[in-house]
Amino acid sequence: MLEFAGFLPILLLVGLAAIQLGLVGYAANQAGSAARAASRAASQGDSGEAAGRAAMDGSLDADVGVSRTGTTTTATVEVQVPTLLPFVDTDWSVTKKATMPNDDDG
């Protein structure tokens, strides 16, 4: 019983680290989805930033940027990774880009 009580904090720390790693993956997934949606919408002439924000979880803090150059549109999304432990300030962010060809109506 005493050995388990001594080992319990290490088990909790490993479990929290695994959950934090899952949050990094979740943020990367959301950033990729938002970048694809923003790029697709902007290449068709719509508001790419609005589409990017709508395609991801609203509780995440994200910056969505769209740029059109020649025949392509590129969207860049940077998502702040949520931190599991309030006293650990990691300030991690995940950035994803997506490029789509512009829709030619002519």
N, C-alpha and C. Protein backbone atom coordinates (compact mmCIF):
# COMPACT_ATOMS: atom_id res chain seq x y z
N MET A 1 0.83 -1.19 0.00
CA MET A 1 0.00 0.00 0.00
C MET A 1 0.87 1.26 0.00
N LEU A 2 1.93 1.23 0.76
CA LEU A 2 2.82 2.39 0.83
C LEU A 2 3.55 2.61 -0.50
N GLU A 3 3.92 1.51 -1.17
CA GLU A 3 4.58 1.64 -2.48
C GLU A 3 3.62 2.25 -3.51
N PHE A 4 2.38 1.85 -3.48
CA PHE A 4 1.40 2.40 -4.41
C PHE A 4 1.18 3.88 -4.15
N ALA A 5 1.13 4.27 -2.89
CA ALA A 5 0.94 5.69 -2.55
C ALA A 5 2.13 6.53 -3.02
N GLY A 6 3.32 5.95 -3.00
CA GLY A 6 4.49 6.68 -3.48
C GLY A 6 4.55 6.75 -4.99
N PHE A 7 4.01 5.74 -5.66
CA PHE A 7 4.05 5.68 -7.12
C PHE A 7 2.87 6.39 -7.77
N LEU A 8 1.83 6.68 -7.02
CA LEU A 8 0.62 7.30 -7.55
C LEU A 8 0.88 8.66 -8.20
N PRO A 9 1.67 9.56 -7.61
CA PRO A 9 1.91 10.85 -8.29
C PRO A 9 2.59 10.69 -9.65
N ILE A 10 3.46 9.69 -9.78
CA ILE A 10 4.12 9.47 -11.08
C ILE A 10 3.09 8.97 -12.09
N LEU A 11 2.21 8.09 -11.68
CA LEU A 11 1.16 7.61 -12.58
C LEU A 11 0.24 8.75 -13.01
N LEU A 12 -0.12 9.62 -12.10
CA LEU A 12 -0.97 10.76 -12.44
C LEU A 12 -0.27 11.70 -13.41
N LEU A 13 1.01 11.93 -13.20
CA LEU A 13 1.77 12.81 -14.09
C LEU A 13 1.85 12.23 -15.49
N VAL A 14 2.09 10.93 -15.61
CA VAL A 14 2.14 10.28 -16.92
C VAL A 14 0.77 10.35 -17.59
N GLY A 15 -0.30 10.13 -16.84
CA GLY A 15 -1.64 10.23 -17.40
C GLY A 15 -1.97 11.62 -17.89
N LEU A 16 -1.61 12.65 -17.13
CA LEU A 16 -1.86 14.02 -17.54
C LEU A 16 -1.03 14.39 -18.77
N ALA A 17 0.20 13.88 -18.83
CA ALA A 17 1.04 14.14 -20.01
C ALA A 17 0.43 13.50 -21.25
N ALA A 18 -0.16 12.32 -21.12
CA ALA A 18 -0.81 11.67 -22.26
C ALA A 18 -2.03 12.46 -22.72
N ILE A 19 -2.79 12.97 -21.78
CA ILE A 19 -3.96 13.78 -22.14
C ILE A 19 -3.52 15.07 -22.82
N GLN A 20 -2.44 15.70 -22.32
CA GLN A 20 -1.93 16.93 -22.93
C GLN A 20 -1.47 16.66 -24.36
N LEU A 21 -0.85 15.52 -24.60
CA LEU A 21 -0.43 15.15 -25.94
C LEU A 21 -1.65 14.97 -26.85
N GLY A 22 -2.72 14.44 -26.30
CA GLY A 22 -3.97 14.32 -27.06
C GLY A 22 -4.54 15.68 -27.42
N LEU A 23 -4.41 16.65 -26.52
CA LEU A 23 -4.88 18.01 -26.81
C LEU A 23 -4.07 18.66 -27.93
N VAL A 24 -2.78 18.35 -27.99
CA VAL A 24 -1.95 18.85 -29.10
C VAL A 24 -2.45 18.27 -30.42
N GLY A 25 -2.74 16.98 -30.44
CA GLY A 25 -3.27 16.36 -31.65
C GLY A 25 -4.62 16.91 -32.04
N TYR A 26 -5.47 17.16 -31.06
CA TYR A 26 -6.79 17.73 -31.33
C TYR A 26 -6.66 19.13 -31.93
N ALA A 27 -5.77 19.95 -31.39
CA ALA A 27 -5.56 21.30 -31.91
C ALA A 27 -5.02 21.24 -33.34
N ALA A 28 -4.12 20.30 -33.62
CA ALA A 28 -3.57 20.17 -34.97
C ALA A 28 -4.67 19.73 -35.95
N ASN A 29 -5.53 18.82 -35.52
CA ASN A 29 -6.63 18.37 -36.36
C ASN A 29 -7.58 19.52 -36.67
N GLN A 30 -7.93 20.30 -35.67
CA GLN A 30 -8.84 21.42 -35.86
C GLN A 30 -8.22 22.49 -36.75
N ALA A 31 -6.91 22.74 -36.60
CA ALA A 31 -6.23 23.73 -37.44
C ALA A 31 -6.22 23.29 -38.90
N GLY A 32 -5.99 22.01 -39.14
CA GLY A 32 -6.00 21.51 -40.51
C GLY A 32 -7.37 21.60 -41.15
N SER A 33 -8.41 21.26 -40.40
CA SER A 33 -9.78 21.36 -40.92
C SER A 33 -10.14 22.81 -41.23
N ALA A 34 -9.77 23.71 -40.34
CA ALA A 34 -10.07 25.13 -40.55
C ALA A 34 -9.31 25.69 -41.75
N ALA A 35 -8.06 25.28 -41.91
CA ALA A 35 -7.28 25.77 -43.05
C ALA A 35 -7.87 25.29 -44.37
N ARG A 36 -8.27 24.03 -44.44
CA ARG A 36 -8.88 23.53 -45.67
C ARG A 36 -10.20 24.23 -45.98
N ALA A 37 -11.04 24.42 -44.97
CA ALA A 37 -12.33 25.08 -45.19
C ALA A 37 -12.14 26.54 -45.60
N ALA A 38 -11.21 27.23 -44.94
CA ALA A 38 -10.97 28.64 -45.26
C ALA A 38 -10.42 28.78 -46.67
N SER A 39 -9.50 27.91 -47.05
CA SER A 39 -8.91 27.98 -48.38
C SER A 39 -9.94 27.66 -49.46
N ARG A 40 -10.77 26.65 -49.21
CA ARG A 40 -11.80 26.27 -50.18
C ARG A 40 -12.81 27.41 -50.38
N ALA A 41 -13.27 27.99 -49.27
CA ALA A 41 -14.26 29.06 -49.37
C ALA A 41 -13.67 30.30 -50.03
N ALA A 42 -12.45 30.66 -49.66
CA ALA A 42 -11.84 31.86 -50.24
C ALA A 42 -11.52 31.67 -51.72
N SER A 43 -11.20 30.45 -52.14
CA SER A 43 -10.92 30.21 -53.56
C SER A 43 -12.17 30.34 -54.41
N GLN A 44 -13.35 30.21 -53.78
CA GLN A 44 -14.61 30.35 -54.50
C GLN A 44 -15.21 31.75 -54.34
N GLY A 45 -14.48 32.65 -53.67
CA GLY A 45 -14.92 34.03 -53.55
C GLY A 45 -15.65 34.36 -52.27
N ASP A 46 -15.84 33.39 -51.38
CA ASP A 46 -16.52 33.65 -50.11
C ASP A 46 -15.51 34.14 -49.07
N SER A 47 -16.01 34.37 -47.86
CA SER A 47 -15.15 34.78 -46.76
C SER A 47 -14.43 33.57 -46.18
N GLY A 48 -13.16 33.47 -46.44
CA GLY A 48 -12.39 32.33 -45.97
C GLY A 48 -12.22 32.32 -44.46
N GLU A 49 -12.06 33.50 -43.87
CA GLU A 49 -11.86 33.55 -42.42
C GLU A 49 -13.10 33.06 -41.68
N ALA A 50 -14.28 33.45 -42.13
CA ALA A 50 -15.51 33.01 -41.49
C ALA A 50 -15.69 31.50 -41.64
N ALA A 51 -15.38 30.98 -42.81
CA ALA A 51 -15.52 29.53 -43.03
C ALA A 51 -14.52 28.76 -42.18
N GLY A 52 -13.31 29.29 -42.04
CA GLY A 52 -12.31 28.63 -41.22
C GLY A 52 -12.71 28.57 -39.76
N ARG A 53 -13.24 29.67 -39.25
CA ARG A 53 -13.68 29.69 -37.84
C ARG A 53 -14.89 28.79 -37.63
N ALA A 54 -15.77 28.72 -38.63
CA ALA A 54 -16.96 27.87 -38.50
C ALA A 54 -16.62 26.38 -38.55
N ALA A 55 -15.49 26.04 -39.16
CA ALA A 55 -15.13 24.64 -39.33
C ALA A 55 -14.44 24.04 -38.11
N MET A 56 -14.17 24.86 -37.10
CA MET A 56 -13.46 24.33 -35.93
C MET A 56 -14.22 24.61 -34.65
N ASP A 57 -13.77 24.00 -33.59
CA ASP A 57 -14.37 24.16 -32.27
C ASP A 57 -14.28 25.62 -31.84
N GLY A 58 -15.39 26.19 -31.45
CA GLY A 58 -15.43 27.60 -31.08
C GLY A 58 -14.69 27.94 -29.80
N SER A 59 -14.37 26.94 -28.99
CA SER A 59 -13.69 27.22 -27.74
C SER A 59 -12.18 27.38 -27.92
N LEU A 60 -11.66 27.08 -29.10
CA LEU A 60 -10.22 27.21 -29.35
C LEU A 60 -9.89 28.62 -29.79
N ASP A 61 -8.75 29.11 -29.33
CA ASP A 61 -8.25 30.42 -29.71
C ASP A 61 -7.44 30.26 -30.99
N ALA A 62 -7.89 30.90 -32.07
CA ALA A 62 -7.23 30.69 -33.37
C ALA A 62 -7.13 31.98 -34.15
N ASP A 63 -6.10 32.05 -34.99
CA ASP A 63 -5.92 33.13 -35.95
C ASP A 63 -6.03 32.53 -37.34
N VAL A 64 -6.91 33.10 -38.18
CA VAL A 64 -7.12 32.61 -39.53
C VAL A 64 -6.71 33.70 -40.50
N GLY A 65 -5.82 33.36 -41.41
CA GLY A 65 -5.38 34.30 -42.43
C GLY A 65 -5.52 33.70 -43.81
N VAL A 66 -5.95 34.52 -44.78
CA VAL A 66 -6.16 34.05 -46.15
C VAL A 66 -5.43 34.98 -47.10
N SER A 67 -4.73 34.39 -48.08
CA SER A 67 -4.05 35.21 -49.09
C SER A 67 -4.29 34.60 -50.47
N ARG A 68 -4.62 35.46 -51.43
CA ARG A 68 -4.83 35.03 -52.82
C ARG A 68 -3.65 35.52 -53.64
N THR A 69 -3.05 34.61 -54.38
CA THR A 69 -1.93 34.96 -55.25
C THR A 69 -2.11 34.23 -56.57
N GLY A 70 -2.29 34.95 -57.62
CA GLY A 70 -2.39 34.35 -58.95
C GLY A 70 -3.54 33.37 -59.07
N THR A 71 -3.21 32.10 -59.20
CA THR A 71 -4.22 31.08 -59.42
C THR A 71 -4.54 30.26 -58.18
N THR A 72 -3.94 30.60 -57.05
CA THR A 72 -4.18 29.82 -55.83
C THR A 72 -4.55 30.71 -54.65
N THR A 73 -5.20 30.09 -53.69
CA THR A 73 -5.54 30.74 -52.42
C THR A 73 -4.96 29.90 -51.30
N THR A 74 -4.25 30.54 -50.39
CA THR A 74 -3.63 29.85 -49.26
C THR A 74 -4.22 30.37 -47.96
N ALA A 75 -4.63 29.46 -47.11
CA ALA A 75 -5.14 29.81 -45.79
C ALA A 75 -4.15 29.29 -44.75
N THR A 76 -3.87 30.12 -43.77
CA THR A 76 -2.98 29.75 -42.67
C THR A 76 -3.76 29.90 -41.37
N VAL A 77 -3.78 28.84 -40.58
CA VAL A 77 -4.51 28.85 -39.31
C VAL A 77 -3.54 28.49 -38.19
N GLU A 78 -3.49 29.34 -37.17
CA GLU A 78 -2.67 29.08 -35.99
C GLU A 78 -3.61 28.92 -34.80
N VAL A 79 -3.54 27.76 -34.14
CA VAL A 79 -4.41 27.44 -33.01
C VAL A 79 -3.56 27.32 -31.75
N GLN A 80 -3.99 27.98 -30.69
CA GLN A 80 -3.32 27.84 -29.40
C GLN A 80 -3.75 26.52 -28.78
N VAL A 81 -2.78 25.71 -28.35
CA VAL A 81 -3.08 24.42 -27.74
C VAL A 81 -3.59 24.65 -26.32
N PRO A 82 -4.76 24.10 -25.99
CA PRO A 82 -5.26 24.24 -24.62
C PRO A 82 -4.33 23.55 -23.63
N THR A 83 -4.14 24.17 -22.47
CA THR A 83 -3.28 23.61 -21.45
C THR A 83 -4.13 22.92 -20.40
N LEU A 84 -3.75 21.70 -20.05
CA LEU A 84 -4.50 20.91 -19.09
C LEU A 84 -4.28 21.41 -17.67
N LEU A 85 -3.05 21.70 -17.33
CA LEU A 85 -2.73 22.15 -15.97
C LEU A 85 -2.63 23.67 -15.94
N PRO A 86 -3.38 24.32 -15.07
CA PRO A 86 -3.40 25.78 -15.08
C PRO A 86 -2.08 26.42 -14.66
N PHE A 87 -1.27 25.74 -13.88
CA PHE A 87 -0.02 26.33 -13.42
C PHE A 87 1.15 26.08 -14.37
N VAL A 88 0.90 25.36 -15.46
CA VAL A 88 1.93 25.12 -16.47
C VAL A 88 1.58 25.94 -17.70
N ASP A 89 2.39 26.97 -17.97
CA ASP A 89 2.14 27.84 -19.11
C ASP A 89 3.04 27.42 -20.26
N THR A 90 2.50 26.59 -21.16
CA THR A 90 3.31 26.09 -22.27
C THR A 90 3.33 27.06 -23.45
N ASP A 91 2.25 27.80 -23.66
CA ASP A 91 2.12 28.73 -24.78
C ASP A 91 2.44 28.05 -26.11
N TRP A 92 1.91 26.83 -26.27
CA TRP A 92 2.10 26.09 -27.51
C TRP A 92 1.07 26.51 -28.53
N SER A 93 1.47 26.49 -29.79
CA SER A 93 0.52 26.73 -30.87
C SER A 93 0.83 25.78 -32.02
N VAL A 94 -0.18 25.51 -32.81
CA VAL A 94 -0.07 24.64 -33.98
C VAL A 94 -0.48 25.46 -35.19
N THR A 95 0.33 25.43 -36.24
CA THR A 95 0.03 26.17 -37.46
C THR A 95 -0.12 25.20 -38.62
N LYS A 96 -1.20 25.35 -39.37
CA LYS A 96 -1.45 24.53 -40.55
C LYS A 96 -1.76 25.44 -41.73
N LYS A 97 -1.36 25.02 -42.92
CA LYS A 97 -1.64 25.75 -44.15
C LYS A 97 -2.33 24.83 -45.15
N ALA A 98 -3.18 25.42 -45.96
CA ALA A 98 -3.84 24.69 -47.05
C ALA A 98 -3.93 25.61 -48.26
N THR A 99 -3.68 25.04 -49.42
CA THR A 99 -3.72 25.81 -50.67
C THR A 99 -4.71 25.14 -51.63
N MET A 100 -5.55 25.97 -52.23
CA MET A 100 -6.54 25.48 -53.19
C MET A 100 -6.44 26.34 -54.45
N PRO A 101 -6.74 25.76 -55.62
CA PRO A 101 -6.78 26.56 -56.85
C PRO A 101 -8.01 27.47 -56.84
N ASN A 102 -7.85 28.66 -57.40
CA ASN A 102 -8.96 29.59 -57.47
C ASN A 102 -10.00 29.09 -58.47
N ASP A 103 -11.26 29.37 -58.16
CA ASP A 103 -12.37 29.00 -59.03
C ASP A 103 -12.41 29.97 -60.20
N ASP A 104 -12.29 29.46 -61.41
CA ASP A 104 -12.33 30.30 -62.61
C ASP A 104 -13.75 30.28 -63.17
N ASP A 105 -14.39 31.44 -63.12
CA ASP A 105 -15.76 31.55 -63.63
C ASP A 105 -15.81 31.96 -65.10
N GLY A 106 -14.67 32.10 -65.71
CA GLY A 106 -14.69 32.60 -67.07
C GLY A 106 -14.39 31.62 -68.04
